N, C-alpha and C. Protein backbone atom coordinates (compact mmCIF):
# COMPACT_ATOMS: atom_id res chain seq x y z
N MET A 1 17.63 41.61 -26.04
CA MET A 1 18.20 41.39 -27.49
C MET A 1 17.05 41.75 -28.69
N LYS A 2 17.70 42.51 -29.55
CA LYS A 2 16.80 43.06 -30.40
C LYS A 2 16.74 42.10 -31.78
N LYS A 3 15.44 41.61 -32.09
CA LYS A 3 15.18 41.35 -33.36
C LYS A 3 15.17 41.57 -34.64
N ARG A 4 15.21 41.02 -35.75
CA ARG A 4 15.44 41.75 -37.09
C ARG A 4 13.97 41.36 -37.60
N ILE A 5 13.25 42.37 -38.26
CA ILE A 5 12.13 42.17 -39.03
C ILE A 5 12.60 43.05 -40.55
N GLN A 6 12.10 42.45 -41.10
CA GLN A 6 11.63 43.53 -42.73
C GLN A 6 10.74 43.83 -43.06
N VAL A 7 10.89 44.86 -43.97
CA VAL A 7 9.13 45.67 -44.55
C VAL A 7 9.36 45.67 -46.07
N TYR A 8 8.95 45.23 -46.68
CA TYR A 8 9.03 45.73 -48.20
C TYR A 8 7.96 46.84 -48.08
N THR A 9 8.35 47.98 -48.98
CA THR A 9 7.27 48.53 -49.61
C THR A 9 7.50 49.22 -50.74
N ASP A 10 6.76 49.80 -51.19
CA ASP A 10 6.72 50.76 -52.77
C ASP A 10 7.93 51.97 -53.04
N PRO A 11 8.75 52.14 -53.89
CA PRO A 11 9.56 53.52 -53.45
C PRO A 11 9.10 54.70 -53.25
N GLU A 12 7.80 55.15 -53.11
CA GLU A 12 6.95 56.39 -52.97
C GLU A 12 6.90 56.38 -51.21
N THR A 13 6.15 55.20 -50.73
CA THR A 13 6.46 55.14 -49.64
C THR A 13 7.58 54.98 -48.61
N LYS A 14 8.43 54.57 -49.31
CA LYS A 14 9.96 54.72 -48.73
C LYS A 14 10.55 56.07 -48.95
N ARG A 15 10.37 56.71 -49.88
CA ARG A 15 10.99 58.08 -50.03
C ARG A 15 10.06 58.88 -48.83
N ARG A 16 8.65 58.53 -48.67
CA ARG A 16 7.92 59.53 -47.27
C ARG A 16 8.58 59.17 -46.07
N ILE A 17 9.04 57.86 -45.57
CA ILE A 17 9.24 57.62 -44.63
C ILE A 17 10.92 58.18 -44.38
N GLU A 18 11.62 58.15 -45.71
CA GLU A 18 12.94 58.47 -44.93
C GLU A 18 13.12 59.81 -44.89
N LEU A 19 11.90 60.79 -45.64
CA LEU A 19 11.67 62.50 -45.03
C LEU A 19 11.24 62.76 -44.12
N ALA A 20 10.52 61.93 -43.80
CA ALA A 20 9.82 62.11 -42.24
C ALA A 20 10.64 61.81 -41.31
N ALA A 21 11.54 60.97 -41.28
CA ALA A 21 12.42 60.04 -40.49
C ALA A 21 13.35 61.76 -40.59
N ALA A 22 14.18 61.95 -41.36
CA ALA A 22 15.13 63.21 -41.59
C ALA A 22 14.29 64.27 -40.51
N LYS A 23 13.24 64.61 -41.04
CA LYS A 23 12.40 65.76 -40.51
C LYS A 23 12.19 65.89 -39.25
N HIS A 24 12.29 64.46 -38.34
CA HIS A 24 12.39 64.46 -37.03
C HIS A 24 13.81 64.02 -36.50
N GLU A 25 14.92 64.04 -37.17
CA GLU A 25 16.22 64.14 -36.62
C GLU A 25 16.56 62.54 -36.25
N LEU A 26 16.02 61.32 -36.99
CA LEU A 26 16.01 60.22 -36.63
C LEU A 26 16.57 59.28 -37.66
N ALA A 27 16.96 58.21 -37.47
CA ALA A 27 17.27 57.02 -38.16
C ALA A 27 15.94 56.68 -38.76
N VAL A 28 15.76 56.06 -39.95
CA VAL A 28 14.83 55.30 -40.78
C VAL A 28 14.23 54.24 -39.86
N THR A 29 15.16 53.57 -39.09
CA THR A 29 14.71 52.40 -38.15
C THR A 29 14.07 52.90 -36.94
N ASP A 30 14.42 53.66 -36.38
CA ASP A 30 14.28 54.29 -35.19
C ASP A 30 12.72 54.90 -35.21
N TYR A 31 12.40 55.57 -36.56
CA TYR A 31 11.47 56.17 -37.09
C TYR A 31 10.22 55.40 -37.26
N CYS A 32 10.43 54.17 -37.66
CA CYS A 32 9.39 53.09 -37.92
C CYS A 32 9.16 52.16 -37.23
N LEU A 33 10.27 52.50 -35.55
CA LEU A 33 9.96 51.57 -34.33
C LEU A 33 9.07 52.30 -33.78
N GLN A 34 9.31 54.09 -33.65
CA GLN A 34 8.01 54.69 -33.27
C GLN A 34 7.14 54.78 -33.86
N ALA A 35 6.49 54.72 -34.82
CA ALA A 35 5.18 54.34 -35.15
C ALA A 35 4.82 53.17 -34.99
N ILE A 36 5.64 52.22 -35.45
CA ILE A 36 4.74 50.94 -34.94
C ILE A 36 4.36 51.10 -33.35
N ARG A 37 5.31 51.40 -32.58
CA ARG A 37 5.10 51.11 -30.87
C ARG A 37 4.04 52.27 -30.85
N GLN A 38 3.92 53.39 -31.59
CA GLN A 38 2.67 54.13 -31.53
C GLN A 38 1.02 53.47 -31.91
N TYR A 39 1.21 52.60 -32.77
CA TYR A 39 0.42 52.05 -33.43
C TYR A 39 -0.26 50.87 -32.53
N LEU A 40 0.76 50.00 -31.96
CA LEU A 40 0.64 49.11 -30.78
C LEU A 40 -0.18 49.76 -29.72
N ALA A 41 0.49 50.87 -29.10
CA ALA A 41 0.04 51.37 -27.91
C ALA A 41 -1.68 51.68 -28.18
N GLU A 42 -1.92 52.37 -29.26
CA GLU A 42 -3.31 52.39 -29.78
C GLU A 42 -3.98 51.38 -29.60
N ASP A 43 -3.72 50.28 -30.17
CA ASP A 43 -4.39 49.05 -30.27
C ASP A 43 -4.44 48.42 -28.69
N ASP A 44 -3.75 48.63 -27.76
CA ASP A 44 -3.56 48.20 -26.54
C ASP A 44 -4.74 48.81 -25.64
N MET A 45 -4.61 50.35 -26.19
CA MET A 45 -5.58 51.38 -25.41
C MET A 45 -7.25 50.89 -25.38
N LEU A 46 -7.26 50.50 -27.09
CA LEU A 46 -8.76 49.93 -27.30
C LEU A 46 -8.94 48.85 -26.79
N GLU A 47 -8.12 47.46 -26.57
CA GLU A 47 -8.61 46.25 -25.95
C GLU A 47 -8.63 46.78 -23.95
N ARG A 48 -8.13 47.76 -23.35
CA ARG A 48 -8.20 48.05 -22.20
C ARG A 48 -9.61 48.65 -21.99
N GLU A 49 -9.73 49.44 -23.02
CA GLU A 49 -11.21 50.16 -23.10
C GLU A 49 -12.56 49.12 -23.11
N SER A 50 -11.95 47.94 -23.58
CA SER A 50 -12.96 47.31 -23.91
C SER A 50 -14.06 47.84 -25.14
N ILE A 51 -13.48 48.51 -25.97
CA ILE A 51 -14.25 49.18 -27.01
C ILE A 51 -14.87 47.90 -28.50
N GLU A 52 -15.38 47.81 -28.31
CA GLU A 52 -16.20 46.73 -29.41
C GLU A 52 -16.14 47.41 -30.87
N ILE A 53 -16.02 47.07 -32.10
CA ILE A 53 -15.52 47.43 -33.04
C ILE A 53 -16.66 46.59 -34.07
N PRO A 54 -17.81 46.99 -34.42
CA PRO A 54 -19.09 46.26 -34.84
C PRO A 54 -18.44 45.88 -36.22
N LEU A 55 -18.48 44.51 -36.40
CA LEU A 55 -18.26 44.10 -37.70
C LEU A 55 -19.56 43.99 -38.64
N ARG A 56 -19.82 44.72 -39.77
CA ARG A 56 -21.10 44.26 -40.40
C ARG A 56 -20.72 43.80 -41.96
N PRO A 57 -21.67 43.15 -42.11
CA PRO A 57 -21.33 42.19 -43.68
C PRO A 57 -21.12 43.87 -44.65
N THR A 58 -19.97 43.30 -45.64
CA THR A 58 -19.89 44.09 -46.53
C THR A 58 -20.91 43.90 -47.50
N ARG A 59 -20.93 44.69 -48.58
CA ARG A 59 -21.86 44.98 -49.75
C ARG A 59 -22.10 43.53 -50.05
N ASP A 60 -20.59 42.86 -50.59
CA ASP A 60 -20.41 41.81 -51.28
C ASP A 60 -20.99 40.50 -50.56
N ALA A 61 -20.77 40.54 -49.32
CA ALA A 61 -21.57 39.57 -48.63
C ALA A 61 -22.98 39.58 -48.76
N ASP A 62 -23.71 40.73 -48.48
CA ASP A 62 -24.87 40.82 -48.64
C ASP A 62 -25.55 40.57 -50.18
N LEU A 63 -24.72 41.07 -51.16
CA LEU A 63 -24.99 40.55 -52.38
C LEU A 63 -25.03 39.38 -52.58
N LEU A 64 -23.93 38.61 -52.20
CA LEU A 64 -23.50 37.27 -52.44
C LEU A 64 -24.93 36.41 -52.09
N ALA A 65 -25.48 36.99 -50.32
CA ALA A 65 -26.95 36.40 -50.38
C ALA A 65 -27.80 36.26 -50.92
N GLU A 66 -28.19 37.33 -51.54
CA GLU A 66 -29.12 37.55 -52.26
C GLU A 66 -28.93 36.64 -53.60
N LEU A 67 -28.19 36.68 -54.33
CA LEU A 67 -27.80 35.85 -55.33
C LEU A 67 -27.92 34.22 -55.37
N ARG A 68 -27.60 34.11 -53.57
CA ARG A 68 -27.81 32.38 -53.44
C ARG A 68 -29.45 32.36 -53.27
N LYS A 69 -29.72 33.33 -52.36
CA LYS A 69 -31.74 33.37 -52.88
C LYS A 69 -32.16 33.27 -54.18
N LEU A 70 -31.34 33.89 -54.90
CA LEU A 70 -32.35 33.77 -56.30
C LEU A 70 -32.00 32.76 -56.92
N ARG A 71 -30.96 32.33 -56.79
CA ARG A 71 -30.45 30.71 -57.25
C ARG A 71 -31.24 29.61 -56.83
N GLU A 72 -31.75 29.64 -55.66
CA GLU A 72 -32.69 28.74 -55.09
C GLU A 72 -33.91 29.00 -55.42
N ALA A 73 -34.28 30.15 -55.65
CA ALA A 73 -35.49 30.15 -55.78
C ALA A 73 -35.72 29.80 -57.56
N ILE A 74 -34.85 30.22 -58.37
CA ILE A 74 -35.00 29.67 -59.62
C ILE A 74 -34.94 27.96 -59.99
N LEU A 75 -34.19 27.26 -58.80
CA LEU A 75 -34.05 25.95 -58.86
C LEU A 75 -35.34 25.31 -58.39
N ALA A 76 -36.12 26.23 -57.36
CA ALA A 76 -37.70 25.84 -57.16
C ALA A 76 -38.10 26.07 -58.17
N ASP A 77 -38.63 26.97 -59.07
CA ASP A 77 -39.23 27.30 -59.91
C ASP A 77 -39.21 26.33 -60.75
N ARG A 78 -37.97 25.36 -61.16
CA ARG A 78 -37.76 24.86 -61.90
C ARG A 78 -37.44 23.04 -61.86
N GLY A 79 -38.47 23.12 -60.38
CA GLY A 79 -38.41 21.83 -60.13
C GLY A 79 -37.28 21.14 -59.52
N GLY A 80 -36.20 21.71 -59.14
CA GLY A 80 -34.69 21.68 -59.00
C GLY A 80 -33.71 21.14 -59.93
N LYS A 81 -34.37 21.09 -61.48
CA LYS A 81 -33.41 21.05 -62.27
C LYS A 81 -32.64 22.41 -62.72
N PRO A 82 -31.37 22.35 -63.06
CA PRO A 82 -30.59 23.42 -63.43
C PRO A 82 -31.05 24.06 -64.58
N ILE A 83 -30.73 24.88 -64.88
CA ILE A 83 -30.63 25.94 -66.24
C ILE A 83 -29.88 24.73 -67.23
N ASP A 84 -30.17 24.44 -68.57
CA ASP A 84 -29.16 23.77 -69.01
C ASP A 84 -29.19 24.70 -70.65
N VAL A 85 -28.25 25.35 -70.76
CA VAL A 85 -28.34 26.08 -71.91
C VAL A 85 -27.03 26.72 -72.21
N ASP A 86 -26.37 26.04 -73.34
CA ASP A 86 -25.40 26.96 -74.06
C ASP A 86 -25.60 28.28 -74.18
N ILE A 87 -24.69 29.18 -72.84
CA ILE A 87 -24.65 30.24 -73.13
C ILE A 87 -23.85 30.93 -74.27
N ALA A 88 -22.71 30.48 -74.57
CA ALA A 88 -22.11 31.12 -75.72
C ALA A 88 -23.05 31.23 -77.08
N ALA A 89 -24.01 29.84 -77.39
CA ALA A 89 -24.71 30.22 -78.80
C ALA A 89 -25.56 30.65 -78.09
N PHE A 90 -25.95 31.14 -77.04
CA PHE A 90 -27.58 31.75 -76.38
C PHE A 90 -27.10 33.21 -76.97
N ILE A 91 -25.77 33.61 -76.34
CA ILE A 91 -25.64 34.93 -76.72
C ILE A 91 -25.53 35.10 -78.19
N GLU A 92 -24.78 34.65 -78.58
CA GLU A 92 -24.19 34.96 -80.07
C GLU A 92 -25.62 34.66 -80.78
N GLN A 93 -26.79 34.13 -80.80
CA GLN A 93 -28.15 34.29 -81.37
C GLN A 93 -28.70 35.76 -80.94
N MET A 94 -28.79 35.91 -79.58
CA MET A 94 -29.05 37.33 -79.24
C MET A 94 -28.35 38.43 -80.09
N ARG A 95 -27.08 38.42 -80.17
CA ARG A 95 -26.16 39.34 -80.99
C ARG A 95 -26.44 39.23 -82.44
N GLN A 96 -27.05 38.43 -82.90
CA GLN A 96 -27.19 37.88 -84.84
C GLN A 96 -28.77 38.46 -84.67
N GLU A 97 -29.66 38.19 -83.55
CA GLU A 97 -31.13 38.93 -83.75
C GLU A 97 -30.91 40.87 -83.33
N ARG A 98 -30.18 41.02 -82.78
CA ARG A 98 -30.21 42.43 -82.63
C ARG A 98 -29.32 43.06 -83.90
N ASN A 99 -28.31 42.11 -84.32
CA ASN A 99 -27.76 42.82 -85.57
C ASN A 99 -28.90 42.88 -86.49
N GLU A 100 -29.82 41.75 -86.77
CA GLU A 100 -30.85 42.32 -87.40
C GLU A 100 -31.75 43.05 -87.41
N GLU A 101 -31.75 43.34 -86.46
CA GLU A 101 -32.92 44.34 -85.79
C GLU A 101 -32.61 45.67 -86.31
N LEU A 102 -31.22 45.55 -85.90
CA LEU A 102 -30.71 47.11 -86.68
C LEU A 102 -30.28 47.49 -87.42
N ALA A 103 -30.27 46.34 -88.83
CA ALA A 103 -29.62 46.44 -90.14
C ALA A 103 -31.10 46.34 -90.64
N GLY A 104 -32.22 46.27 -89.71
CA GLY A 104 -33.44 46.19 -90.35
C GLY A 104 -34.17 45.52 -91.40
N VAL A 105 -33.53 44.18 -91.27
CA VAL A 105 -33.84 43.03 -91.73
C VAL A 105 -34.72 42.70 -91.65
N ARG A 106 -35.13 42.55 -89.98
CA ARG A 106 -36.52 41.97 -89.20
C ARG A 106 -37.78 43.05 -89.19
């Protein structure tokens, strides 16, 4: 007994699937099922051959680890006290100083 699944896609992908199905003289459903079965067969082959796909940390994970280390170093330098600065006021002060510098006031 067959069970129904639904797949939502963008109009361009739908158009390409319909064209490919027509090219192979298949109904869209049959074309999609063949593609899914092929993908699953490739997955099964990888499992049977025990091919290991190494997972390496992403650049984002590396960056996050570096930022955590930096945060800990800053806290250690400050004796465990977090920086207590009004960032918006600090940025405004820096902008004002830069504007004065550019205008030749300083």
